Every structure is written in structure tokens, then in C-alpha cells.
Protein backbone atom coordinates (compact mmCIF):
# COMPACT_ATOMS: atom_id res chain seq x y z
CA MET A 1 -57.21 46.14 58.00
CA GLU A 2 -58.34 43.54 60.83
CA ASN A 3 -60.92 46.14 62.15
CA PHE A 4 -61.58 48.09 59.08
CA LYS A 5 -65.29 46.46 59.18
CA ASN A 6 -65.78 48.57 62.21
CA MET A 7 -66.32 51.66 60.19
CA PHE A 8 -69.61 50.16 58.78
CA ASN A 9 -71.49 49.32 61.98
CA THR A 10 -74.74 50.35 62.64
CA ILE A 11 -74.57 53.64 65.46
CA GLU A 12 -76.52 55.36 67.90
CA GLU A 13 -77.47 58.89 67.38
CA ARG A 14 -76.28 61.66 70.02
CA VAL A 15 -79.02 63.87 70.09
CA GLU A 16 -77.77 66.24 72.86
CA PRO A 17 -74.44 68.32 72.26
CA GLN A 18 -71.42 66.95 74.11
CA ASN A 19 -68.22 68.71 74.72
CA ALA A 20 -65.28 67.52 72.68
CA GLN A 21 -61.95 67.16 74.18
CA LEU A 22 -59.24 69.43 72.43
CA THR A 23 -55.85 69.03 71.56
CA GLY A 24 -53.31 71.38 69.67
CA GLU A 25 -53.87 75.00 68.95
CA TRP A 26 -57.48 76.13 67.49
CA PRO A 27 -57.45 79.44 65.82
CA ALA A 28 -59.81 82.07 67.50
CA TRP A 29 -61.08 82.95 64.29
CA LEU A 30 -62.54 79.59 63.23
CA LYS A 31 -66.17 79.82 64.18
CA GLY A 32 -68.84 77.86 62.86
CA ASN A 33 -70.66 74.56 62.07
CA LEU A 34 -69.32 71.73 60.17
CA ILE A 35 -72.61 69.56 59.29
CA ARG A 36 -72.06 66.36 57.34
CA VAL A 37 -74.23 63.43 56.31
CA GLY A 38 -73.87 59.56 55.52
CA PRO A 39 -75.19 56.29 56.00
CA GLY A 40 -75.46 55.15 59.57
CA LYS A 41 -78.05 52.26 60.05
CA PHE A 42 -77.84 49.14 58.18
CA ASP A 43 -79.18 46.70 60.30
CA PHE A 44 -83.12 46.04 61.23
CA GLY A 45 -83.41 43.20 63.67
CA ASP A 46 -82.01 40.22 61.85
CA PHE A 47 -82.14 42.21 58.64
CA THR A 48 -79.21 43.68 57.20
CA LEU A 49 -79.15 46.07 54.16
CA ASN A 50 -76.84 45.17 51.07
CA HIS A 51 -74.86 48.08 50.25
CA TRP A 52 -72.86 50.79 52.48
CA LEU A 53 -75.16 53.78 50.33
CA ASP A 54 -78.46 51.84 51.56
CA GLY A 55 -77.80 53.16 55.07
CA MET A 56 -80.35 55.54 56.77
CA ALA A 57 -79.06 58.90 56.58
CA ILE A 58 -77.35 60.11 60.02
CA MET A 59 -76.27 63.68 60.30
CA HIS A 60 -73.54 64.80 62.38
CA LYS A 61 -72.50 68.32 63.18
CA PHE A 62 -69.46 69.89 65.04
CA GLN A 63 -69.98 73.54 66.46
CA ILE A 64 -66.89 75.38 66.66
CA ASP A 65 -66.22 78.61 68.77
CA GLY A 66 -62.48 79.12 68.96
CA GLY A 67 -61.44 77.38 72.23
CA GLN A 68 -64.60 74.94 72.34
CA VAL A 69 -65.87 72.27 70.18
CA THR A 70 -69.31 70.59 70.71
CA PHE A 71 -70.44 67.48 68.71
CA ARG A 72 -74.10 65.92 68.18
CA SER A 73 -75.85 63.70 65.81
CA LYS A 74 -79.14 62.76 64.64
CA TYR A 75 -80.94 60.70 62.20
CA LEU A 76 -82.76 62.26 59.26
CA ARG A 77 -86.66 61.23 59.80
CA SER A 78 -87.28 60.60 56.63
CA ASP A 79 -89.95 58.61 55.18
CA ALA A 80 -87.57 55.84 54.09
CA TYR A 81 -86.14 55.67 57.86
CA LYS A 82 -89.63 55.87 59.64
CA LYS A 83 -91.13 53.14 57.40
CA ALA A 84 -88.00 51.06 57.75
CA CYS A 85 -88.05 51.17 61.30
CA VAL A 86 -91.60 49.79 61.46
CA ALA A 87 -91.26 47.16 58.68
CA GLN A 88 -87.69 46.26 59.97
CA ARG A 89 -87.09 46.31 56.19
CA PRO A 90 -86.63 49.03 53.34
CA VAL A 91 -89.87 50.03 51.97
CA TYR A 92 -88.48 52.23 49.16
CA THR A 93 -85.80 50.86 46.53
CA GLU A 94 -82.41 51.60 47.95
CA PHE A 95 -79.00 51.77 45.98
CA GLY A 96 -78.25 47.90 46.63
CA THR A 97 -81.29 46.54 48.35
CA HIS A 98 -84.37 46.18 46.88
CA CYS A 99 -87.96 47.20 48.48
CA PHE A 100 -90.25 45.28 50.56
CA PRO A 101 -93.98 45.60 51.13
CA ASP A 102 -95.05 48.66 53.06
CA PRO A 103 -97.16 47.31 56.11
CA GLY A 104 -98.86 50.61 56.05
CA LYS A 105 -100.63 49.53 52.79
CA ASN A 106 -103.11 46.92 51.87
CA ILE A 107 -102.28 44.33 49.04
CA PHE A 108 -104.32 46.16 46.48
CA SER A 109 -102.54 49.58 47.27
CA ARG A 110 -99.26 47.67 46.93
CA MET A 111 -100.23 46.33 43.69
CA PHE A 112 -101.46 49.56 41.89
CA SER A 113 -98.69 52.00 43.77
CA PRO A 114 -96.37 53.97 41.24
CA PHE A 115 -92.87 53.33 41.43
CA GLU A 116 -91.81 54.94 44.44
CA ILE A 117 -88.55 56.72 45.17
CA THR A 118 -86.23 56.99 48.64
CA ASP A 119 -86.11 60.14 50.36
CA ASN A 120 -83.15 58.51 52.30
CA ALA A 121 -81.18 61.65 51.82
CA SER A 122 -77.70 60.27 52.88
CA SER A 123 -75.00 62.11 50.37
CA SER A 124 -74.67 65.60 50.61
CA VAL A 125 -75.39 68.82 52.68
CA VAL A 126 -76.75 71.74 50.45
CA CYS A 127 -76.91 75.30 51.16
CA VAL A 128 -79.17 77.20 49.15
CA GLN A 129 -79.57 80.67 50.00
CA ASP A 130 -80.23 80.82 53.42
CA GLN A 131 -81.83 77.14 53.89
CA VAL A 132 -79.89 73.87 54.50
CA PHE A 133 -80.85 70.57 52.89
CA VAL A 134 -79.68 66.91 52.94
CA SER A 135 -79.66 65.41 49.64
CA SER A 136 -79.02 62.05 47.57
CA GLU A 137 -79.57 61.48 43.91
CA THR A 138 -83.52 61.33 43.79
CA CYS A 139 -85.82 64.24 43.52
CA TYR A 140 -86.55 64.54 47.30
CA ILE A 141 -84.56 66.62 49.50
CA ARG A 142 -84.97 67.40 53.15
CA ARG A 143 -84.85 70.82 54.81
CA ILE A 144 -83.04 70.35 58.18
CA ASP A 145 -82.65 72.68 60.93
CA PRO A 146 -78.84 73.49 61.18
CA ALA A 147 -78.93 74.42 64.79
CA THR A 148 -80.58 70.86 66.05
CA LEU A 149 -80.49 68.98 63.01
CA ASP A 150 -84.10 68.33 63.26
CA THR A 151 -85.93 67.04 60.11
CA LYS A 152 -88.04 69.51 58.51
CA GLU A 153 -90.29 69.40 55.38
CA LYS A 154 -89.59 67.24 52.22
CA VAL A 155 -89.09 68.92 48.88
CA ASP A 156 -90.02 67.28 45.74
CA LEU A 157 -87.85 68.67 42.89
CA ASN A 158 -90.12 66.41 40.39
CA LYS A 159 -93.05 68.76 40.93
CA LEU A 160 -90.89 71.96 41.20
CA MET A 161 -88.75 71.20 38.22
CA GLY A 162 -89.85 68.04 36.67
CA ILE A 163 -86.97 65.93 37.33
CA HIS A 164 -86.94 62.33 38.80
CA PHE A 165 -83.16 62.24 39.93
CA ALA A 166 -80.69 65.02 40.78
CA SER A 167 -76.77 65.45 41.22
CA SER A 168 -75.74 65.24 44.92
CA HIS A 169 -73.67 68.17 44.10
CA PRO A 170 -75.36 71.53 43.17
CA ILE A 171 -73.10 74.56 42.62
CA THR A 172 -73.02 78.10 43.31
CA ASP A 173 -71.08 80.40 41.56
CA ASN A 174 -69.60 83.52 42.26
CA THR A 175 -73.05 85.41 41.43
CA GLY A 176 -74.95 83.55 44.03
CA THR A 177 -76.57 81.51 41.27
CA THR A 178 -77.07 77.81 42.30
CA TYR A 179 -77.19 75.40 39.08
CA ASN A 180 -78.03 71.50 39.34
CA LEU A 181 -78.26 68.81 36.90
CA GLY A 182 -81.28 66.23 36.78
CA CYS A 183 -83.01 63.88 34.37
CA SER A 184 -86.39 62.70 33.65
CA PHE A 185 -87.54 59.88 31.83
CA MET A 186 -91.47 59.36 31.41
CA SER A 187 -91.33 61.00 27.80
CA GLY A 188 -87.67 59.43 26.78
CA PRO A 189 -84.70 59.97 28.98
CA LYS A 190 -83.53 63.73 29.08
CA TYR A 191 -81.20 65.72 30.97
CA HIS A 192 -82.04 68.89 32.39
CA MET A 193 -79.64 71.75 33.95
CA VAL A 194 -81.61 73.78 36.33
CA ARG A 195 -80.79 77.39 37.40
CA VAL A 196 -81.84 78.88 40.84
CA PRO A 197 -81.01 82.78 40.96
CA PRO A 198 -79.80 84.32 43.87
CA ALA A 199 -81.87 85.79 46.43
CA ALA A 200 -83.15 89.39 45.39
CA ASN A 201 -82.24 90.79 48.82
CA ASN A 202 -81.10 89.62 52.16
CA ASN A 203 -84.44 89.52 54.01
CA LEU A 204 -85.74 85.87 52.53
CA THR A 205 -85.33 84.21 55.98
CA GLY A 206 -87.35 80.98 55.77
CA SER A 207 -88.51 81.74 52.11
CA ASP A 208 -88.54 78.89 49.65
CA PRO A 209 -85.43 79.14 47.79
CA PHE A 210 -86.72 77.10 44.82
CA ILE A 211 -89.53 79.58 44.07
CA ASN A 212 -87.79 81.15 41.23
CA ALA A 213 -85.81 77.84 40.05
CA ARG A 214 -86.35 77.37 36.05
CA THR A 215 -84.80 74.66 33.60
CA LEU A 216 -81.76 76.46 31.73
CA ALA A 217 -81.28 73.62 29.37
CA THR A 218 -82.81 70.11 28.45
CA VAL A 219 -80.82 67.40 26.44
CA SER A 220 -81.80 64.17 25.10
CA SER A 221 -80.01 61.22 26.11
CA SER A 222 -78.12 59.31 23.36
CA TRP A 223 -79.92 56.28 24.44
CA LYS A 224 -83.65 55.42 23.69
CA ALA A 225 -84.39 53.73 27.10
CA CYS A 226 -81.27 54.74 29.09
CA TYR A 227 -79.43 57.79 30.44
CA GLY A 228 -75.66 58.10 31.44
CA TYR A 229 -75.28 58.18 35.40
CA TYR A 230 -74.12 61.08 36.89
CA HIS A 231 -72.73 62.51 40.43
CA SER A 232 -71.71 65.59 39.92
CA PHE A 233 -70.90 68.23 37.03
CA SER A 234 -68.74 71.75 36.59
CA VAL A 235 -69.15 75.21 36.51
CA SER A 236 -66.76 77.60 34.86
CA GLU A 237 -67.51 81.50 34.12
CA ASN A 238 -69.45 80.96 30.91
CA TYR A 239 -70.07 77.23 30.80
CA LEU A 240 -71.68 74.20 32.39
CA VAL A 241 -70.18 70.95 31.55
CA PHE A 242 -71.44 67.23 32.45
CA LEU A 243 -70.42 63.83 31.24
CA GLU A 244 -72.81 61.22 29.45
CA GLN A 245 -70.68 58.51 30.68
CA PRO A 246 -71.44 55.05 29.82
CA LEU A 247 -72.57 53.62 32.96
CA LEU A 248 -76.45 53.37 31.98
CA VAL A 249 -79.65 53.37 34.12
CA ASN A 250 -81.99 51.15 32.40
CA THR A 251 -85.26 53.08 32.79
CA LEU A 252 -87.27 50.24 31.94
CA LYS A 253 -85.87 48.46 34.44
CA LEU A 254 -86.09 51.05 36.71
CA ALA A 255 -89.92 51.63 36.13
CA THR A 256 -90.26 48.01 36.94
CA SER A 257 -87.68 47.48 39.83
CA GLN A 258 -90.43 47.25 42.52
CA LEU A 259 -92.47 44.62 40.64
CA LYS A 260 -89.15 42.74 39.84
CA SER A 261 -87.54 43.16 43.25
CA ARG A 262 -84.54 45.21 41.71
CA ALA A 263 -82.20 47.64 43.72
CA LEU A 264 -81.10 50.65 41.70
CA ASN A 265 -77.76 49.28 40.90
CA ASP A 266 -79.75 46.37 39.41
CA CYS A 267 -80.67 48.79 36.70
CA PHE A 268 -77.05 49.96 35.87
CA GLU A 269 -75.42 48.81 32.83
CA TRP A 270 -71.75 49.21 32.07
CA HIS A 271 -70.92 49.52 28.24
CA PRO A 272 -67.15 49.80 28.00
CA GLN A 273 -67.40 50.02 24.58
CA GLU A 274 -68.83 53.29 24.50
CA LYS A 275 -67.02 56.59 25.03
CA VAL A 276 -67.52 59.64 27.30
CA LYS A 277 -69.51 62.62 25.73
CA PHE A 278 -68.86 66.03 27.34
CA ILE A 279 -71.97 68.21 27.04
CA VAL A 280 -71.31 71.78 27.21
CA ILE A 281 -73.76 74.44 28.01
CA ARG A 282 -73.54 78.23 27.86
CA LYS A 283 -74.72 79.63 31.11
CA ALA A 284 -75.90 82.94 29.60
CA THR A 285 -78.47 81.44 27.09
CA GLY A 286 -78.74 77.81 27.95
CA GLU A 287 -77.68 76.93 24.41
CA VAL A 288 -75.78 73.71 23.92
CA VAL A 289 -72.48 73.91 22.13
CA LYS A 290 -72.90 72.30 18.96
CA THR A 291 -69.14 70.90 19.01
CA ARG A 292 -69.23 67.14 20.14
CA TYR A 293 -66.31 66.41 22.49
CA ILE A 294 -65.91 62.50 22.75
CA SER A 295 -63.20 60.75 25.05
CA LYS A 296 -60.51 58.59 23.25
CA GLU A 297 -60.75 56.27 26.42
CA THR A 298 -63.74 54.90 28.41
CA PHE A 299 -63.77 55.80 32.00
CA PHE A 300 -65.99 56.65 34.89
CA VAL A 301 -66.41 59.67 37.24
CA PHE A 302 -68.11 60.38 40.32
CA HIS A 303 -66.70 63.67 41.01
CA HIS A 304 -65.66 66.72 38.97
CA VAL A 305 -63.00 68.98 40.58
CA ASN A 306 -63.29 72.23 39.00
CA ALA A 307 -63.74 73.84 35.55
CA TYR A 308 -62.26 77.07 34.22
CA GLU A 309 -61.52 78.90 30.79
CA VAL A 310 -58.10 79.96 29.41
CA ASP A 311 -57.15 80.99 25.82
CA ASP A 312 -60.78 79.94 24.17
CA LYS A 313 -60.31 76.57 25.86
CA LEU A 314 -62.31 75.06 28.60
CA VAL A 315 -60.26 73.03 31.34
CA VAL A 316 -62.10 70.22 32.83
CA ASP A 317 -60.69 68.49 35.79
CA VAL A 318 -62.14 65.26 37.14
CA ILE A 319 -61.43 62.18 39.56
CA ALA A 320 -61.54 59.23 37.05
CA TYR A 321 -61.74 55.32 37.55
CA GLU A 322 -60.85 53.02 34.50
CA ARG A 323 -64.59 51.37 35.37
CA PRO A 324 -67.24 51.61 37.87
CA SER A 325 -65.83 48.82 40.04
CA VAL A 326 -65.60 51.08 43.02
CA ILE A 327 -69.26 50.91 43.65
CA ASP A 328 -69.01 47.17 44.13
CA LYS A 329 -66.12 47.61 46.79
CA PHE A 330 -68.80 48.94 49.29
CA TYR A 331 -70.96 45.84 49.53
CA LEU A 332 -71.50 45.09 53.29
CA ASN A 333 -70.87 41.21 53.08
CA LYS A 334 -67.51 42.36 51.59
CA ILE A 335 -66.39 45.33 53.84
CA ARG A 336 -67.79 43.62 57.03
CA GLN A 337 -65.33 40.62 56.05
CA ASN A 338 -62.40 43.24 55.98
CA GLN A 339 -62.44 42.92 52.30
CA TYR A 340 -61.47 45.90 50.12
CA SER A 341 -60.05 45.64 46.68
CA THR A 342 -57.00 47.59 45.87
CA GLU A 343 -57.89 47.54 41.90
CA ASP A 344 -58.66 50.47 39.77
CA PRO A 345 -57.41 53.44 42.09
CA ALA A 346 -58.93 57.13 41.37
CA LYS A 347 -57.01 59.13 39.02
CA PHE A 348 -57.11 62.99 38.94
CA LYS A 349 -57.36 63.54 34.91
CA ARG A 350 -57.27 66.85 33.24
CA PHE A 351 -59.33 67.22 29.99
CA VAL A 352 -58.89 70.57 27.82
CA LEU A 353 -62.10 71.22 25.42
CA PRO A 354 -61.41 73.63 22.48
CA MET A 355 -64.09 75.87 22.35
CA ILE A 356 -64.18 76.02 18.58
CA SER A 357 -66.93 76.73 16.20
CA ASP A 358 -68.52 73.92 13.92
CA SER A 359 -67.52 75.69 11.02
CA ASP A 360 -63.93 76.06 12.39
CA LEU A 361 -63.85 72.28 13.18
CA GLN A 362 -64.90 71.48 9.58
CA ASN A 363 -62.01 73.29 8.20
CA ALA A 364 -59.33 72.18 10.69
CA LYS A 365 -57.43 68.96 9.46
CA GLU A 366 -58.03 65.61 10.71
CA GLY A 367 -55.79 64.43 13.54
CA GLU A 368 -54.99 68.29 14.05
CA GLU A 369 -54.21 69.16 17.52
CA LEU A 370 -56.78 71.56 19.16
CA ALA A 371 -55.72 71.50 22.54
CA GLY A 372 -52.45 73.09 22.80
CA LEU A 373 -52.16 74.44 26.36
CA PRO A 374 -48.88 75.08 27.51
CA GLY A 375 -47.38 72.57 30.06
CA CYS A 376 -50.44 70.01 29.73
CA SER A 377 -50.38 66.91 27.68
CA ALA A 378 -54.16 66.74 27.59
CA SER A 379 -54.93 66.31 23.82
CA ALA A 380 -58.11 67.15 21.36
CA VAL A 381 -57.95 66.53 17.89
CA LYS A 382 -60.35 66.44 15.08
CA ALA A 383 -61.78 62.99 14.32
CA LYS A 384 -64.71 61.06 12.81
CA GLY A 385 -66.58 59.25 15.06
CA PRO A 386 -70.36 58.13 15.28
CA GLY A 387 -72.66 60.91 14.25
CA GLY A 388 -69.97 62.59 12.15
CA VAL A 389 -66.92 65.07 13.05
CA CYS A 390 -66.36 65.40 16.73
CA VAL A 391 -63.21 66.38 19.06
CA CYS A 392 -61.45 63.55 20.46
CA VAL A 393 -60.25 64.38 23.61
CA GLU A 394 -57.69 62.30 25.78
CA GLY A 395 -57.02 63.54 29.55
CA GLU A 396 -53.66 64.12 31.11
CA VAL A 397 -53.41 61.99 34.43
CA ILE A 398 -51.49 64.47 37.05
CA GLY A 399 -50.00 63.49 40.48
CA GLU A 400 -50.26 60.04 42.07
CA PRO A 401 -53.58 58.02 42.15
CA GLY A 402 -55.46 56.63 45.08
CA PHE A 403 -57.49 59.98 46.19
CA ASP A 404 -61.01 60.96 45.61
CA MET A 405 -63.49 63.05 47.61
CA PRO A 406 -61.89 66.25 45.87
CA ILE A 407 -62.31 69.95 47.35
CA ILE A 408 -61.26 73.41 46.49
CA ASN A 409 -61.23 76.63 48.01
CA LYS A 410 -64.68 77.61 47.22
CA GLN A 411 -63.79 81.08 46.00
CA PHE A 412 -62.25 79.64 43.10
CA ILE A 413 -64.95 77.63 41.74
CA GLY A 414 -65.19 78.28 37.80
CA GLN A 415 -61.77 80.01 38.09
CA ARG A 416 -58.07 78.93 37.36
CA TYR A 417 -56.85 77.51 40.95
CA GLN A 418 -54.02 75.85 41.65
CA TYR A 419 -54.64 73.50 44.65
CA VAL A 420 -57.13 70.35 45.34
CA TYR A 421 -57.30 68.45 48.42
CA GLY A 422 -58.59 65.13 48.89
CA THR A 423 -58.87 61.68 50.91
CA GLY A 424 -57.55 57.99 50.34
CA GLY A 425 -60.95 57.22 52.08
CA TYR A 426 -60.95 53.57 52.38
CA ASP A 427 -58.40 52.90 49.65
CA GLN A 428 -55.51 50.87 50.44
CA GLY A 429 -53.14 52.44 48.01
CA ASN A 430 -50.88 55.38 47.98
CA PHE A 431 -53.07 57.69 50.29
CA LYS A 432 -54.03 54.98 52.72
CA ASN A 433 -55.58 56.47 55.97
CA SER A 434 -54.03 60.13 54.65
CA VAL A 435 -55.54 63.39 53.56
CA CYS A 436 -53.67 65.09 50.66
CA LYS A 437 -53.08 68.37 48.72
CA MET A 438 -51.81 68.71 45.29
CA ASP A 439 -50.66 71.06 43.04
CA VAL A 440 -52.80 70.86 39.80
CA ASP A 441 -50.19 72.34 37.51
CA SER A 442 -47.07 70.29 38.96
CA GLY A 443 -48.48 67.56 40.37
CA ASP A 444 -46.57 67.89 43.56
CA MET A 445 -48.22 66.43 46.65
CA TRP A 446 -48.29 66.91 50.32
CA VAL A 447 -49.75 64.29 52.90
CA TRP A 448 -51.27 64.17 56.24
CA ARG A 449 -51.04 60.64 57.24
CA GLY A 450 -52.85 59.00 60.12
CA THR A 451 -52.03 55.67 61.82
CA GLU A 452 -53.04 52.26 60.05
CA THR A 453 -56.31 52.47 61.86
CA GLN A 454 -57.51 55.85 61.11
CA TYR A 455 -59.66 56.41 58.21
CA ALA A 456 -60.35 60.02 57.09
CA THR A 457 -63.53 61.44 55.29
CA GLU A 458 -63.77 64.12 52.61
CA PRO A 459 -61.67 67.11 54.01
CA THR A 460 -63.77 70.69 54.08
CA PHE A 461 -61.65 73.90 53.41
CA VAL A 462 -62.25 77.00 55.52
CA PRO A 463 -60.29 80.09 54.35
CA ARG A 464 -58.72 82.30 56.92
CA PRO A 465 -60.26 85.72 57.11
CA ASP A 466 -58.74 88.32 54.63
CA ALA A 467 -56.69 85.36 52.98
CA ILE A 468 -54.70 86.14 50.20
CA ASP A 469 -53.45 82.94 49.13
CA GLU A 470 -55.47 80.38 47.60
CA ASP A 471 -54.58 77.81 50.39
CA ASP A 472 -54.52 80.06 53.26
CA GLY A 473 -56.97 78.46 55.74
CA VAL A 474 -57.50 75.10 57.35
CA LEU A 475 -58.83 71.97 56.50
CA LEU A 476 -61.61 69.96 58.77
CA MET A 477 -62.16 66.00 58.63
CA SER A 478 -63.93 63.41 60.51
CA VAL A 479 -61.54 60.80 61.55
CA GLY A 480 -62.79 57.14 62.63
CA ASP A 481 -60.07 55.08 64.49
CA VAL A 482 -60.92 51.45 64.43
CA GLU A 483 -58.39 50.55 67.21
CA ASP A 484 -59.96 49.34 70.26
CA GLY A 485 -60.49 52.23 72.91
CA ALA A 486 -59.07 54.87 70.56
CA PRO A 487 -61.44 58.01 70.08
CA ASP A 488 -62.73 59.22 66.73
CA PHE A 489 -62.17 63.02 66.24
CA LEU A 490 -62.45 66.11 64.14
CA LEU A 491 -59.37 66.56 62.94
CA LEU A 492 -57.80 70.24 62.23
CA VAL A 493 -55.16 70.85 59.58
CA ASP A 494 -53.07 73.67 58.23
CA ALA A 495 -54.15 73.75 54.64
CA LYS A 496 -50.82 75.51 53.49
CA THR A 497 -48.42 73.12 55.17
CA MET A 498 -50.72 70.01 55.66
CA GLN A 499 -49.51 69.86 58.99
CA GLU A 500 -51.85 68.59 61.97
CA LEU A 501 -52.97 71.71 64.18
CA GLY A 502 -55.17 69.85 66.57
CA ARG A 503 -57.82 67.54 67.21
CA ALA A 504 -61.63 67.53 68.82
CA ASN A 505 -61.78 63.91 70.25
CA ILE A 506 -65.37 62.42 71.18
CA GLU A 507 -67.10 59.56 72.78
CA GLY A 508 -68.44 56.94 70.86
CA PRO A 509 -68.32 56.35 67.25
CA LEU A 510 -68.31 59.22 64.65
CA PRO A 511 -70.58 58.70 61.49
CA CYS A 512 -69.00 58.05 58.31
CA GLY A 513 -70.16 61.21 56.48
CA ILE A 514 -70.11 61.23 52.87
CA HIS A 515 -70.20 64.79 52.28
CA GLY A 516 -70.64 67.92 54.22
CA VAL A 517 -70.43 71.95 54.66
CA PHE A 518 -69.25 74.57 56.67
CA ILE A 519 -71.30 77.27 57.54
CA PRO A 520 -69.55 80.00 59.30
CA ASP A 521 -70.71 81.63 62.74
CA LYS A 522 -74.14 81.24 61.83
CA TYR A 523 -76.00 78.69 64.12
């Protein structure tokens, strides 16, 4: 790990496209754009941000056309970025760094300004109908031009949908409907599941995709002044499911964060004595399923993998940690000293929720097994918990621990599926310097492994045209190489065999993207 810290340096943008140097065989059918976003600028003069997630958002794009690949990158011109460049400090509260005075405001404006949320959208790239946006976990998203990576208008989801924070991972199901999970806290903390219907026709280029967005369901938090942190959720054919987990965001601390010089992470509280609640919503009606599903063990989740229904049961797959210590691993004062803890690796966990009516649950025997999914050891039993009778669920760990950033073939979202892909990222465990594929039924695993100095980001699955098999396609991954003089590159891997097919080497460092999207043959 001698040069591990080099993955977290401030980098320069490369606005004009440059030709990548290709190795291997690139299929002629692979045409489109891989667009990713992540933190890229951590240093402002003599000031350094505290946490990796605080870095100003930089986008990068690989444009792929059979035998040619070009690369470009550009910083998102968010208000947070522009003001930080002037102040040489963050002016908005970021994840691990508190805000500093805005030099564009006088002292009275600073004193009486309301709590302001950052628009540093460094987490995810999202396609909604024909528009492309970058997002984080706040109410602000930014539309971008996918051809040039230019920054366009700021969209305020609070004004449109009444939410203050939103999931980084909206999901579009096989009907073209997009869902996202948000929260509000001005009148008590509440969760909101928002529905964006599909476009009525194919002639809506440039129109507002959120014009018909509506709140499908609202659920009050289990706590009077806190809500459970979330990063993602799941969609099945008939249900939406999210986790109310005991990493709590204290809204009173949040509201006074500017006055008290708190970062967002300073408003988090971990309550390991609490359990995880599975909140299930019917897609057709927005009705919250009355049956209460509560975990036997406490755990923490960033990423849902998928959910699907089988035999009146809802299978929910997640990447789980025993606690949220993974967040603390990314403070820059640690990783810039080549320190990265190997404790608490991520685990693929499968939960089975019996879709049992409240009356049938009352008639069941206490301790009676209700999951009963063949070949699966996940458990769900009737139990007495806080608030009355519930279903106590215990997950099954599948495969080896150590990978996160899970992705599947998008055609199987909400459906029974067989394969998940992920990366060891910066973890030093089983999948160090690796990208993996796992059979979610058997736990069998296949791995592409780089050198000790190569770190792969989240994979992106691109299906082969007219593919029949779920894994018939390729994986695209940005890979940073910290060896002196070694090029960073876009990696191309056969998704069926996990064998390397080729690379697109670039000049200069590649941004450490968090999430991204492949847009086929459009821009």
C-alpha cells in the first residue's frame, strides 16, 4: 500500500477529448458513453477537506465506438465548487467538513441565512427519461450535457417533491417508471417514496422529466427528532422496500450545523442496540404493508443489490456491514497516510420477507418459521418485539466477504436473477485489487485480479445485443494504477468468463468515480 494515497490526490480536469491507447479486442457492437462522477478536488490553497466524500465533483466520460475510445473529464460547476474556489474553503456543509463564511455575503446575511445544503453532486449519474443528471444525497441534482459534460441547471427536489435529502440511487423499473426515496424533517422526520411516471411519448427531448412526479407514500420516522440514514433501496415487481437502520441523522443537530460548525457526519448517531426495520410499500397503491419486519441482528447498509418475489415471499439482497465504520475509513488524514482498516468487511446478505397478512401472522405460532425458501437459510419467524407482534428476520450470508458496489444486469431489476458483480475497491481483504462475479444462489465466485497497485471502481454491465443469457455481455471499469509511470485505464472484461478483453490507457490520472452509467450509442 506504499502509494495507495495517490488515489486521493486533487486532479486536473481534461476538458478536451483525448484518444485512449487500446489493447486487446474491443467488440464492434460496443458503442456508447460511460459517464462516471466522484470526488476530485480536495485541496484549496493551504486548506484540505476532511473526508473523501467532501471532494468537489468531477465527471469523466469514455466515449466508445468499436475500435476507438476517447476520454475527457470536467469539474461540475456547482455553486459549492464555484464558491469554494473563491473562498478557498467549503461554503456549504459537506459530509466531513463544516462550512466556512461565504465571502459573497455580509455579516448580517450570514447570521440570518437559513441552513443551506450543498449541491456538490459527487455520488451518482442518473438518467431520467432523456435527461442526464448528477446527484448526491441532498435535494439538489444537476442536469449535465452528456456530450460535453457541461453543467446545466440546478434542480431543487425540495420545491418539486418536498424532500430535503434523497437517495443516490433512483431506480427505473421495467415499466419505465422511476422511483426514489427521500426524507423531510421540518414537520417531524418522514420518509417519502416518490414516483416519476414514464414519458407519455418519445418526443419529449428537453422537457422536464419531473413535471408529473408525485409522492407515492409517506412514512413517519420511528424517532421524533431523527431519521434512519439511507443510500439506496429496492424495487420488486409489486413492492418497494427500504431499511430504517440505526445509523440516525439527528435533525436538531443538522438544523444547527452551520451555527455549531458541524459537518454532516457530526449529525450521525449509531445506536447498535436498535434493530433494522424493513419498510415495504405496495407499488400499485402506495399502501405501507402493516406487517412489521425487524432484523434479529443489527447491521449497516449502503447498497441494496436487488429484490424479487417468489412464492408469496419477498427476497431482499443487500451488501451489509456489522457497523458503519466503513465511513470513517475515508478520512483523508488516514488514507493520505496509506492507512485503510481491514476491519468489518462487506458481506452479501439475503433476507426473505414472508408477505403474510396481519391476521395470519396473529394466528401463527411464536417462533414458527415463515421464510421457508428452498436452498436458502435465511430465517423469518413470528416474534414479540417493541410495539407488538412482528416478523423477526435473519439474513443468509452468501459468498466470500469483501466486495461492495454491487451491480446486476439492469434487465433483471426487480426480477429473479443469478449474478451480481462488485469490486473490492480499496478494501485490503479477499477482493483486493479485484472485480468479482458471484452466483447469488450457489455462492460460486469468479475474479479478475489486477496488480498490487491497481484499484478498480464500480463495474458497469453492458449486455450484448440480442443476448439470451443473463451474463452475456461485458463489464466496464475505471482502474487507477498508483505505480509510478503506469497508466490509468478503462478495463474491458467478459462478464461471462471474467477474462480481460482489453484496456483503454489514458494519459494522466483517472478520477476516482463512485457511481456511473453507460448510455448506449446516443451522444
